C-alpha atoms as a PDB file:
ATOM      1  CA  UNK A   1     170.008 163.661 -30.661  1.00  0.00           C
ATOM      2  CA  UNK A   2     172.718 160.730 -31.721  1.00  0.00           C
ATOM      3  CA  UNK A   3     176.172 161.581 -32.871  1.00  0.00           C
ATOM      4  CA  UNK A   4     178.792 159.382 -33.727  1.00  0.00           C
ATOM      5  CA  UNK A   5     178.203 155.916 -35.222  1.00  0.00           C
ATOM      6  CA  UNK A   6     176.715 152.923 -33.923  1.00  0.00           C
ATOM      7  CA  UNK A   7     174.660 149.801 -35.170  1.00  0.00           C
ATOM      8  CA  UNK A   8     170.794 149.879 -34.163  1.00  0.00           C
ATOM      9  CA  UNK A   9     168.307 146.776 -34.655  1.00  0.00           C
ATOM     10  CA  UNK A  10     165.847 149.311 -35.853  1.00  0.00           C
ATOM     11  CA  UNK A  11     166.049 153.309 -35.731  1.00  0.00           C
ATOM     12  CA  UNK A  12     162.867 155.647 -35.770  1.00  0.00           C
ATOM     13  CA  UNK A  13     163.506 158.793 -37.065  1.00  0.00           C
ATOM     14  CA  UNK A  14     160.505 161.132 -36.620  1.00  0.00           C
ATOM     15  CA  UNK A  15     160.298 165.040 -37.684  1.00  0.00           C
ATOM     16  CA  UNK A  16     158.780 167.036 -35.359  1.00  0.00           C
ATOM     17  CA  UNK A  17     159.110 170.434 -37.297  1.00  0.00           C
ATOM     18  CA  UNK A  18     159.582 171.616 -40.632  1.00  0.00           C
ATOM     19  CA  UNK A  19     163.007 172.085 -40.425  1.00  0.00           C
ATOM     20  CA  UNK A  20     163.774 168.597 -38.880  1.00  0.00           C
ATOM     21  CA  UNK A  21     166.038 166.157 -41.063  1.00  0.00           C
ATOM     22  CA  UNK A  22     168.353 162.778 -40.981  1.00  0.00           C
ATOM     23  CA  UNK A  23     171.849 163.954 -42.212  1.00  0.00           C
ATOM     24  CA  UNK A  24     174.538 161.799 -43.377  1.00  0.00           C
ATOM     25  CA  UNK A  25     177.985 163.390 -43.921  1.00  0.00           C
ATOM     26  CA  UNK A  26     179.659 160.971 -45.809  1.00  0.00           C
ATOM     27  CA  UNK A  27     177.338 157.914 -46.683  1.00  0.00           C
ATOM     28  CA  UNK A  28     173.886 156.710 -45.496  1.00  0.00           C
ATOM     29  CA  UNK A  29     173.132 153.063 -45.942  1.00  0.00           C
ATOM     30  CA  UNK A  30     169.664 151.255 -45.194  1.00  0.00           C
ATOM     31  CA  UNK A  31     169.805 147.562 -45.311  1.00  0.00           C
ATOM     32  CA  UNK A  32     166.986 144.882 -44.791  1.00  0.00           C
ATOM     33  CA  UNK A  33     166.887 141.819 -43.087  1.00  0.00           C
ATOM     34  CA  UNK A  34     167.143 140.074 -46.237  1.00  0.00           C
ATOM     35  CA  UNK A  35     170.160 142.318 -46.856  1.00  0.00           C
ATOM     36  CA  UNK A  36     168.486 144.149 -49.751  1.00  0.00           C
ATOM     37  CA  UNK A  37     170.272 147.944 -49.646  1.00  0.00           C
ATOM     38  CA  UNK A  38     169.446 151.514 -50.216  1.00  0.00           C
ATOM     39  CA  UNK A  39     172.731 153.501 -50.662  1.00  0.00           C
ATOM     40  CA  UNK A  40     173.205 157.032 -50.933  1.00  0.00           C
ATOM     41  CA  UNK A  41     176.703 158.532 -51.533  1.00  0.00           C
ATOM     42  CA  UNK A  42     177.701 161.579 -53.112  1.00  0.00           C
ATOM     43  CA  UNK A  43     174.680 162.377 -54.491  1.00  0.00           C
ATOM     44  CA  UNK A  44     174.021 159.205 -56.016  1.00  0.00           C
ATOM     45  CA  UNK A  45     171.494 156.667 -54.834  1.00  0.00           C
ATOM     46  CA  UNK A  46     171.649 152.481 -54.897  1.00  0.00           C
ATOM     47  CA  UNK A  47     169.001 150.298 -55.111  1.00  0.00           C
ATOM     48  CA  UNK A  48     170.240 146.728 -54.409  1.00  0.00           C
ATOM     49  CA  UNK A  49     173.982 147.815 -54.812  1.00  0.00           C
ATOM     50  CA  UNK A  50     176.680 149.623 -52.601  1.00  0.00           C
ATOM     51  CA  UNK A  51     178.355 150.817 -55.642  1.00  0.00           C
ATOM     52  CA  UNK A  52     175.560 153.247 -57.652  1.00  0.00           C
ATOM     53  CA  UNK A  53     177.110 154.255 -61.125  1.00  0.00           C
ATOM     54  CA  UNK A  54     174.289 156.482 -61.960  1.00  0.00           C
ATOM     55  CA  UNK A  55     172.316 159.216 -60.207  1.00  0.00           C
ATOM     56  CA  UNK A  56     169.762 156.437 -59.647  1.00  0.00           C
ATOM     57  CA  UNK A  57     170.970 152.657 -59.954  1.00  0.00           C
ATOM     58  CA  UNK A  58     168.648 149.508 -59.422  1.00  0.00           C
ATOM     59  CA  UNK A  59     169.811 146.400 -59.294  1.00  0.00           C
ATOM     60  CA  UNK A  60     168.379 142.966 -58.990  1.00  0.00           C
ATOM     61  CA  UNK A  61     171.324 140.541 -58.813  1.00  0.00           C
ATOM     62  CA  UNK A  62     175.027 140.903 -59.234  1.00  0.00           C
ATOM     63  CA  UNK A  63     175.610 144.431 -60.455  1.00  0.00           C
ATOM     64  CA  UNK A  64     177.557 144.970 -64.012  1.00  0.00           C
ATOM     65  CA  UNK A  65     180.661 147.067 -62.788  1.00  0.00           C
ATOM     66  CA  UNK A  66     181.990 147.702 -66.356  1.00  0.00           C
ATOM     67  CA  UNK A  67     180.864 148.799 -69.891  1.00  0.00           C
ATOM     68  CA  UNK A  68     178.451 151.524 -71.011  1.00  0.00           C
ATOM     69  CA  UNK A  69     176.248 152.923 -68.100  1.00  0.00           C
ATOM     70  CA  UNK A  70     173.790 155.862 -68.142  1.00  0.00           C
ATOM     71  CA  UNK A  71     174.533 158.627 -65.823  1.00  0.00           C
ATOM     72  CA  UNK A  72     170.961 159.054 -64.694  1.00  0.00           C
ATOM     73  CA  UNK A  73     169.025 155.867 -64.547  1.00  0.00           C
ATOM     74  CA  UNK A  74     170.756 152.381 -64.811  1.00  0.00           C
ATOM     75  CA  UNK A  75     168.689 149.229 -64.067  1.00  0.00           C
ATOM     76  CA  UNK A  76     170.183 146.045 -64.089  1.00  0.00           C
ATOM     77  CA  UNK A  77     168.383 142.718 -64.034  1.00  0.00           C
ATOM     78  CA  UNK A  78     168.052 139.128 -65.287  1.00  0.00           C
ATOM     79  CA  UNK A  79     167.318 138.130 -69.098  1.00  0.00           C
ATOM     80  CA  UNK A  80     163.539 138.461 -69.504  1.00  0.00           C
ATOM     81  CA  UNK A  81     161.506 136.756 -72.585  1.00  0.00           C
ATOM     82  CA  UNK A  82     159.240 139.111 -74.288  1.00  0.00           C
ATOM     83  CA  UNK A  83     156.376 136.480 -74.425  1.00  0.00           C
ATOM     84  CA  UNK A  84     156.450 136.427 -70.777  1.00  0.00           C
ATOM     85  CA  UNK A  85     155.056 140.030 -70.146  1.00  0.00           C
ATOM     86  CA  UNK A  86     157.686 140.551 -67.494  1.00  0.00           C
ATOM     87  CA  UNK A  87     160.248 143.205 -68.092  1.00  0.00           C
ATOM     88  CA  UNK A  88     163.361 144.962 -65.905  1.00  0.00           C
ATOM     89  CA  UNK A  89     161.607 148.414 -66.571  1.00  0.00           C
ATOM     90  CA  UNK A  90     157.686 149.031 -66.643  1.00  0.00           C
ATOM     91  CA  UNK A  91     156.220 152.710 -67.953  1.00  0.00           C
ATOM     92  CA  UNK A  92     152.435 152.163 -67.338  1.00  0.00           C
ATOM     93  CA  UNK A  93     149.282 154.278 -67.460  1.00  0.00           C
ATOM     94  CA  UNK A  94     146.971 154.422 -64.513  1.00  0.00           C
ATOM     95  CA  UNK A  95     143.810 156.117 -66.738  1.00  0.00           C
ATOM     96  CA  UNK A  96     141.213 153.868 -67.126  1.00  0.00           C
ATOM     97  CA  UNK A  97     141.342 151.118 -70.144  1.00  0.00           C
ATOM     98  CA  UNK A  98     140.172 152.051 -73.248  1.00  0.00           C
ATOM     99  CA  UNK A  99     141.734 152.429 -76.837  1.00  0.00           C
ATOM    100  CA  UNK A 100     144.872 154.474 -77.179  1.00  0.00           C
ATOM    101  CA  UNK A 101     145.753 154.086 -73.558  1.00  0.00           C
ATOM    102  CA  UNK A 102     149.259 153.317 -72.279  1.00  0.00           C
ATOM    103  CA  UNK A 103     152.906 154.001 -70.837  1.00  0.00           C
ATOM    104  CA  UNK A 104     155.287 156.546 -73.191  1.00  0.00           C
ATOM    105  CA  UNK A 105     158.696 157.086 -72.814  1.00  0.00           C
ATOM    106  CA  UNK A 106     159.925 160.520 -74.062  1.00  0.00           C
ATOM    107  CA  UNK A 107     163.139 161.816 -75.383  1.00  0.00           C
ATOM    108  CA  UNK A 108     164.277 165.394 -75.384  1.00  0.00           C
ATOM    109  CA  UNK A 109     165.979 168.430 -74.294  1.00  0.00           C
ATOM    110  CA  UNK A 110     167.114 172.243 -74.084  1.00  0.00           C
ATOM    111  CA  UNK A 111     165.459 174.056 -77.066  1.00  0.00           C
ATOM    112  CA  UNK A 112     166.119 177.671 -76.173  1.00  0.00           C
ATOM    113  CA  UNK A 113     167.952 179.688 -73.467  1.00  0.00           C
ATOM    114  CA  UNK A 114     169.227 177.508 -70.702  1.00  0.00           C
ATOM    115  CA  UNK A 115     165.911 176.269 -68.787  1.00  0.00           C
ATOM    116  CA  UNK A 116     163.178 175.684 -71.600  1.00  0.00           C
ATOM    117  CA  UNK A 117     163.172 171.946 -72.415  1.00  0.00           C
ATOM    118  CA  UNK A 118     160.339 169.936 -74.449  1.00  0.00           C
ATOM    119  CA  UNK A 119     160.173 166.435 -75.351  1.00  0.00           C
ATOM    120  CA  UNK A 120     161.404 165.738 -79.261  1.00  0.00           C
ATOM    121  CA  UNK A 121     159.969 162.406 -79.737  1.00  0.00           C
ATOM    122  CA  UNK A 122     158.388 159.699 -77.931  1.00  0.00           C
ATOM    123  CA  UNK A 123     157.752 155.721 -77.994  1.00  0.00           C
ATOM    124  CA  UNK A 124     154.410 154.408 -76.649  1.00  0.00           C
ATOM    125  CA  UNK A 125     153.247 151.410 -75.900  1.00  0.00           C
ATOM    126  CA  UNK A 126     149.234 151.597 -76.026  1.00  0.00           C
ATOM    127  CA  UNK A 127     146.055 149.368 -76.307  1.00  0.00           C
ATOM    128  CA  UNK A 128     144.415 148.891 -79.372  1.00  0.00           C
ATOM    129  CA  UNK A 129     140.795 149.255 -78.308  1.00  0.00           C
ATOM    130  CA  UNK A 130     138.321 149.536 -75.438  1.00  0.00           C
ATOM    131  CA  UNK A 131     137.070 145.915 -74.962  1.00  0.00           C
ATOM    132  CA  UNK A 132     137.524 145.214 -71.394  1.00  0.00           C
ATOM    133  CA  UNK A 133     140.214 142.059 -71.045  1.00  0.00           C
ATOM    134  CA  UNK A 134     141.455 142.663 -74.182  1.00  0.00           C
ATOM    135  CA  UNK A 135     145.326 143.107 -73.820  1.00  0.00           C
ATOM    136  CA  UNK A 136     146.018 143.524 -77.586  1.00  0.00           C
ATOM    137  CA  UNK A 137     148.574 146.786 -77.963  1.00  0.00           C
ATOM    138  CA  UNK A 138     150.631 148.219 -80.578  1.00  0.00           C
ATOM    139  CA  UNK A 139     154.115 150.183 -80.454  1.00  0.00           C
ATOM    140  CA  UNK A 140     153.925 153.645 -81.733  1.00  0.00           C
ATOM    141  CA  UNK A 141     157.167 156.066 -82.500  1.00  0.00           C
ATOM    142  CA  UNK A 142     156.349 159.935 -82.559  1.00  0.00           C
ATOM    143  CA  UNK A 143     158.436 163.020 -83.161  1.00  0.00           C
ATOM    144  CA  UNK A 144     157.467 166.871 -83.294  1.00  0.00           C
ATOM    145  CA  UNK A 145     156.748 168.465 -86.023  1.00  0.00           C
ATOM    146  CA  UNK A 146     153.008 168.051 -88.262  1.00  0.00           C
ATOM    147  CA  UNK A 147     151.290 165.039 -87.546  1.00  0.00           C
ATOM    148  CA  UNK A 148     152.966 163.605 -84.106  1.00  0.00           C
ATOM    149  CA  UNK A 149     152.638 159.820 -84.690  1.00  0.00           C
ATOM    150  CA  UNK A 150     155.305 158.660 -87.670  1.00  0.00           C
ATOM    151  CA  UNK A 151     154.923 154.545 -87.044  1.00  0.00           C
ATOM    152  CA  UNK A 152     153.274 152.168 -85.448  1.00  0.00           C
ATOM    153  CA  UNK A 153     153.578 148.303 -85.196  1.00  0.00           C
ATOM    154  CA  UNK A 154     149.920 146.730 -84.884  1.00  0.00           C
ATOM    155  CA  UNK A 155     149.077 143.425 -82.798  1.00  0.00           C
ATOM    156  CA  UNK A 156     148.983 141.352 -85.776  1.00  0.00           C
ATOM    157  CA  UNK A 157     152.793 142.680 -86.649  1.00  0.00           C
ATOM    158  CA  UNK A 158     151.425 144.987 -89.367  1.00  0.00           C
ATOM    159  CA  UNK A 159     153.768 148.127 -89.704  1.00  0.00           C
ATOM    160  CA  UNK A 160     152.207 151.268 -90.589  1.00  0.00           C
ATOM    161  CA  UNK A 161     154.108 154.716 -91.598  1.00  0.00           C
ATOM    162  CA  UNK A 162     152.336 157.944 -91.849  1.00  0.00           C
ATOM    163  CA  UNK A 163     149.314 155.829 -90.838  1.00  0.00           C
ATOM    164  CA  UNK A 164     147.968 155.165 -87.378  1.00  0.00           C
ATOM    165  CA  UNK A 165     145.706 152.040 -88.858  1.00  0.00           C
ATOM    166  CA  UNK A 166     148.113 149.852 -91.358  1.00  0.00           C
ATOM    167  CA  UNK A 167     145.522 147.276 -91.894  1.00  0.00           C
ATOM    168  CA  UNK A 168     146.078 146.956 -95.481  1.00  0.00           C
ATOM    169  CA  UNK A 169     149.446 144.795 -95.462  1.00  0.00           C
ATOM    170  CA  UNK A 170     152.720 144.036 -93.600  1.00  0.00           C
ATOM    171  CA  UNK A 171     154.074 147.442 -94.194  1.00  0.00           C
ATOM    172  CA  UNK A 172     151.490 149.986 -95.255  1.00  0.00           C
ATOM    173  CA  UNK A 173     153.162 153.736 -96.260  1.00  0.00           C
ATOM    174  CA  UNK A 174     151.552 156.486 -96.826  1.00  0.00           C
ATOM    175  CA  UNK A 175     152.793 159.866 -97.524  1.00  0.00           C
ATOM    176  CA  UNK A 176     151.496 162.721 -95.410  1.00  0.00           C
END
């Protein structure tokens, strides 16, 4: 049992029953030797920052302290070139490689009552083919209602609206 405050070179917490817990009544800070920080305060978690601006705020480098902010997830990091294939945030599938496999970002909300939620639209980055070690991909936009996928941009730069196979030219529009 530890009460009060103090500095520890290391602190090991082991649960001895299902009711064991580590409780910080004000702020919990976990700092590694390199200075990286996990900060929990007032229901907000900061990773790499001691001033979280969202429910989860992840910072690599200097935090942006002014301007627009997301309320649930804020990610701040360096500017990255889109042709290096590194990213500030990655959404990846762990399904075996194959055509149409990839990460999806969904947008949604409540659709009835106070607790029934649904996804209304998605953006997906997927693999164009099932060829092993081939990384050609597409970007698709989908909404609920009728055919789900509404627009696709292929690895070749073709854009299809109403088709998942825009191979007839740069912009292909097909009526539903």
